[in-house]
Structures are given as C-alpha cells and as structure tokens.
C-alpha atoms as a PDB file:
ATOM      1  CA  UNK A   1      37.376 -25.626 137.267  1.00  0.00           C
ATOM      2  CA  UNK A   2      35.769 -27.907 134.641  1.00  0.00           C
ATOM      3  CA  UNK A   3      35.338 -26.200 131.297  1.00  0.00           C
ATOM      4  CA  UNK A   4      37.887 -23.483 132.148  1.00  0.00           C
ATOM      5  CA  UNK A   5      40.724 -25.881 132.903  1.00  0.00           C
ATOM      6  CA  UNK A   6      42.072 -25.967 129.359  1.00  0.00           C
ATOM      7  CA  UNK A   7      42.165 -22.170 128.873  1.00  0.00           C
ATOM      8  CA  UNK A   8      43.823 -21.119 132.148  1.00  0.00           C
ATOM      9  CA  UNK A   9      47.364 -21.976 130.906  1.00  0.00           C
ATOM     10  CA  UNK A  10      46.637 -20.030 127.689  1.00  0.00           C
ATOM     11  CA  UNK A  11      45.872 -16.775 129.555  1.00  0.00           C
ATOM     12  CA  UNK A  12      49.234 -15.228 128.735  1.00  0.00           C
ATOM     13  CA  UNK A  13      48.128 -12.367 126.491  1.00  0.00           C
ATOM     14  CA  UNK A  14      46.594  -9.002 127.225  1.00  0.00           C
ATOM     15  CA  UNK A  15      43.073  -8.512 128.585  1.00  0.00           C
ATOM     16  CA  UNK A  16      41.448  -8.522 125.113  1.00  0.00           C
ATOM     17  CA  UNK A  17      43.052 -11.838 124.146  1.00  0.00           C
ATOM     18  CA  UNK A  18      42.314 -13.391 127.534  1.00  0.00           C
ATOM     19  CA  UNK A  19      38.694 -12.202 127.509  1.00  0.00           C
ATOM     20  CA  UNK A  20      38.155 -13.611 124.002  1.00  0.00           C
ATOM     21  CA  UNK A  21      39.435 -17.004 125.201  1.00  0.00           C
ATOM     22  CA  UNK A  22      37.051 -16.906 128.142  1.00  0.00           C
ATOM     23  CA  UNK A  23      34.012 -15.841 126.097  1.00  0.00           C
ATOM     24  CA  UNK A  24      34.656 -18.568 123.508  1.00  0.00           C
ATOM     25  CA  UNK A  25      34.614 -21.125 126.337  1.00  0.00           C
ATOM     26  CA  UNK A  26      31.481 -19.883 128.122  1.00  0.00           C
ATOM     27  CA  UNK A  27      27.920 -20.019 126.793  1.00  0.00           C
ATOM     28  CA  UNK A  28      26.184 -16.690 126.137  1.00  0.00           C
ATOM     29  CA  UNK A  29      22.783 -16.135 127.712  1.00  0.00           C
ATOM     30  CA  UNK A  30      20.184 -13.515 126.951  1.00  0.00           C
ATOM     31  CA  UNK A  31      20.963  -9.895 127.726  1.00  0.00           C
ATOM     32  CA  UNK A  32      18.991  -9.901 131.004  1.00  0.00           C
ATOM     33  CA  UNK A  33      20.975 -11.190 133.978  1.00  0.00           C
ATOM     34  CA  UNK A  34      19.417 -12.834 137.034  1.00  0.00           C
ATOM     35  CA  UNK A  35      20.167 -11.623 140.552  1.00  0.00           C
ATOM     36  CA  UNK A  36      22.633 -13.752 142.528  1.00  0.00           C
ATOM     37  CA  UNK A  37      24.182 -15.161 139.329  1.00  0.00           C
ATOM     38  CA  UNK A  38      27.696 -14.458 138.004  1.00  0.00           C
ATOM     39  CA  UNK A  39      28.490 -12.986 134.584  1.00  0.00           C
ATOM     40  CA  UNK A  40      31.244 -11.633 132.352  1.00  0.00           C
ATOM     41  CA  UNK A  41      30.579  -9.338 129.393  1.00  0.00           C
ATOM     42  CA  UNK A  42      31.996  -6.459 127.378  1.00  0.00           C
ATOM     43  CA  UNK A  43      30.913  -2.963 128.351  1.00  0.00           C
ATOM     44  CA  UNK A  44      31.543   0.638 127.271  1.00  0.00           C
ATOM     45  CA  UNK A  45      30.547   3.305 129.781  1.00  0.00           C
ATOM     46  CA  UNK A  46      28.808   6.455 128.601  1.00  0.00           C
ATOM     47  CA  UNK A  47      29.300   8.691 131.649  1.00  0.00           C
ATOM     48  CA  UNK A  48      31.953  11.305 130.865  1.00  0.00           C
ATOM     49  CA  UNK A  49      35.200  11.500 132.827  1.00  0.00           C
ATOM     50  CA  UNK A  50      35.014   8.200 134.689  1.00  0.00           C
ATOM     51  CA  UNK A  51      37.095   5.062 134.862  1.00  0.00           C
ATOM     52  CA  UNK A  52      35.335   1.812 134.055  1.00  0.00           C
ATOM     53  CA  UNK A  53      36.040  -1.867 133.536  1.00  0.00           C
ATOM     54  CA  UNK A  54      35.455  -2.863 129.921  1.00  0.00           C
ATOM     55  CA  UNK A  55      35.502  -6.577 130.892  1.00  0.00           C
ATOM     56  CA  UNK A  56      33.419  -6.745 134.068  1.00  0.00           C
ATOM     57  CA  UNK A  57      33.100  -9.902 136.147  1.00  0.00           C
ATOM     58  CA  UNK A  58      30.041  -9.376 138.317  1.00  0.00           C
ATOM     59  CA  UNK A  59      27.558 -10.913 140.659  1.00  0.00           C
ATOM     60  CA  UNK A  60      24.194  -9.466 139.567  1.00  0.00           C
ATOM     61  CA  UNK A  61      22.459  -7.572 142.367  1.00  0.00           C
ATOM     62  CA  UNK A  62      19.291  -6.362 140.649  1.00  0.00           C
ATOM     63  CA  UNK A  63      17.763  -5.533 137.278  1.00  0.00           C
ATOM     64  CA  UNK A  64      15.872  -2.381 136.298  1.00  0.00           C
ATOM     65  CA  UNK A  65      14.293  -0.851 133.188  1.00  0.00           C
ATOM     66  CA  UNK A  66      17.500   1.152 132.608  1.00  0.00           C
ATOM     67  CA  UNK A  67      19.930  -1.728 133.204  1.00  0.00           C
ATOM     68  CA  UNK A  68      21.301  -3.627 136.173  1.00  0.00           C
ATOM     69  CA  UNK A  69      23.609  -3.380 139.151  1.00  0.00           C
ATOM     70  CA  UNK A  70      26.357  -5.833 139.871  1.00  0.00           C
ATOM     71  CA  UNK A  71      29.151  -6.347 142.338  1.00  0.00           C
ATOM     72  CA  UNK A  72      32.242  -5.987 140.141  1.00  0.00           C
ATOM     73  CA  UNK A  73      35.014  -8.266 141.418  1.00  0.00           C
ATOM     74  CA  UNK A  74      37.691  -6.216 139.610  1.00  0.00           C
ATOM     75  CA  UNK A  75      36.633  -3.009 141.415  1.00  0.00           C
ATOM     76  CA  UNK A  76      35.564  -4.844 144.585  1.00  0.00           C
ATOM     77  CA  UNK A  77      32.399  -2.720 144.719  1.00  0.00           C
ATOM     78  CA  UNK A  78      28.904  -2.442 143.191  1.00  0.00           C
ATOM     79  CA  UNK A  79      28.595  -0.742 139.800  1.00  0.00           C
ATOM     80  CA  UNK A  80      25.712   0.263 137.500  1.00  0.00           C
ATOM     81  CA  UNK A  81      25.428  -1.046 133.914  1.00  0.00           C
ATOM     82  CA  UNK A  82      22.981   0.397 131.371  1.00  0.00           C
ATOM     83  CA  UNK A  83      21.492  -1.858 128.685  1.00  0.00           C
ATOM     84  CA  UNK A  84      22.622   0.248 125.735  1.00  0.00           C
ATOM     85  CA  UNK A  85      26.281   0.151 126.803  1.00  0.00           C
ATOM     86  CA  UNK A  86      26.485  -3.649 127.112  1.00  0.00           C
ATOM     87  CA  UNK A  87      28.383  -4.550 123.919  1.00  0.00           C
ATOM     88  CA  UNK A  88      28.109  -8.343 124.116  1.00  0.00           C
ATOM     89  CA  UNK A  89      25.830 -11.023 125.427  1.00  0.00           C
ATOM     90  CA  UNK A  90      26.230 -11.846 129.092  1.00  0.00           C
ATOM     91  CA  UNK A  91      28.102 -15.075 129.767  1.00  0.00           C
ATOM     92  CA  UNK A  92      27.197 -16.941 132.921  1.00  0.00           C
ATOM     93  CA  UNK A  93      29.934 -18.177 135.244  1.00  0.00           C
ATOM     94  CA  UNK A  94      28.926 -21.074 137.494  1.00  0.00           C
ATOM     95  CA  UNK A  95      29.494 -20.955 141.245  1.00  0.00           C
ATOM     96  CA  UNK A  96      32.265 -23.536 141.017  1.00  0.00           C
ATOM     97  CA  UNK A  97      34.083 -21.334 138.450  1.00  0.00           C
ATOM     98  CA  UNK A  98      33.972 -18.066 140.425  1.00  0.00           C
ATOM     99  CA  UNK A  99      37.354 -18.420 142.133  1.00  0.00           C
ATOM    100  CA  UNK A 100      39.032 -19.371 138.844  1.00  0.00           C
ATOM    101  CA  UNK A 101      37.543 -16.393 136.976  1.00  0.00           C
ATOM    102  CA  UNK A 102      38.522 -14.040 139.814  1.00  0.00           C
ATOM    103  CA  UNK A 103      42.132 -14.985 139.128  1.00  0.00           C
ATOM    104  CA  UNK A 104      42.032 -14.580 135.339  1.00  0.00           C
ATOM    105  CA  UNK A 105      43.806 -11.510 133.871  1.00  0.00           C
ATOM    106  CA  UNK A 106      40.770 -10.147 132.012  1.00  0.00           C
ATOM    107  CA  UNK A 107      40.200  -6.753 133.689  1.00  0.00           C
ATOM    108  CA  UNK A 108      40.504  -3.837 131.280  1.00  0.00           C
ATOM    109  CA  UNK A 109      40.259  -0.453 132.936  1.00  0.00           C
ATOM    110  CA  UNK A 110      39.534   2.488 130.662  1.00  0.00           C
ATOM    111  CA  UNK A 111      38.552   6.143 130.953  1.00  0.00           C
ATOM    112  CA  UNK A 112      35.743   7.907 129.142  1.00  0.00           C
END
C-alpha cells in the first residue's frame, strides 16, 4: 500500500473529499496516459443523456488523437475519454496500489 497507507483511514467523506485526498497523495503526470498503466483523474462527459464517472480509475487501453480508452474499474467495462473533457492531470497508480485504489470510495456517478 506504501504511500496510500496514511490516507486510507481518512477516506470517510464523500467522493469529492476522498478523491482530493487521493490526488494530493499521488503524483500528476502529463495528460497523455500510457497503455497498460493505471490512472485516476477528474472527468466531465460531453455526450448528452448519459451516466458517467467523474472520478474514473482506469487501466489505459489505447490512446488516439481524440482521447483514450480505458477499462474503468468503477463501471467494470471499457470507456472512452476525450482530451477536452479531462479536467485534471492524470495521476498514475502503481501496480502494487491497484487493489487498494479499487476499494477506495472515490467513484462519483453523474448524468449529463
């Protein structure tokens, strides 16, 4: 668990509070994710009349000119993310942190 150990007991608030704790602990990378790496970030979907996860935790599948695809652990399925709708940097989660982050109450489902 390493660097996340100290924040896990503090994850008692809502998804916004919990996500802010997590992002303050992780190191932001550039906006372009690498396939087969894990990330959390803040997102706002543009497609009308859909549900989306504003705090995705993903495994990047591929990158494209328009954005990237990732397996979203909160949805348990692949999702598409466009560059313009990514509202934060991407924060990399190491392989040894994946199981811990899967259990954190950070998911925030919204509708457009």
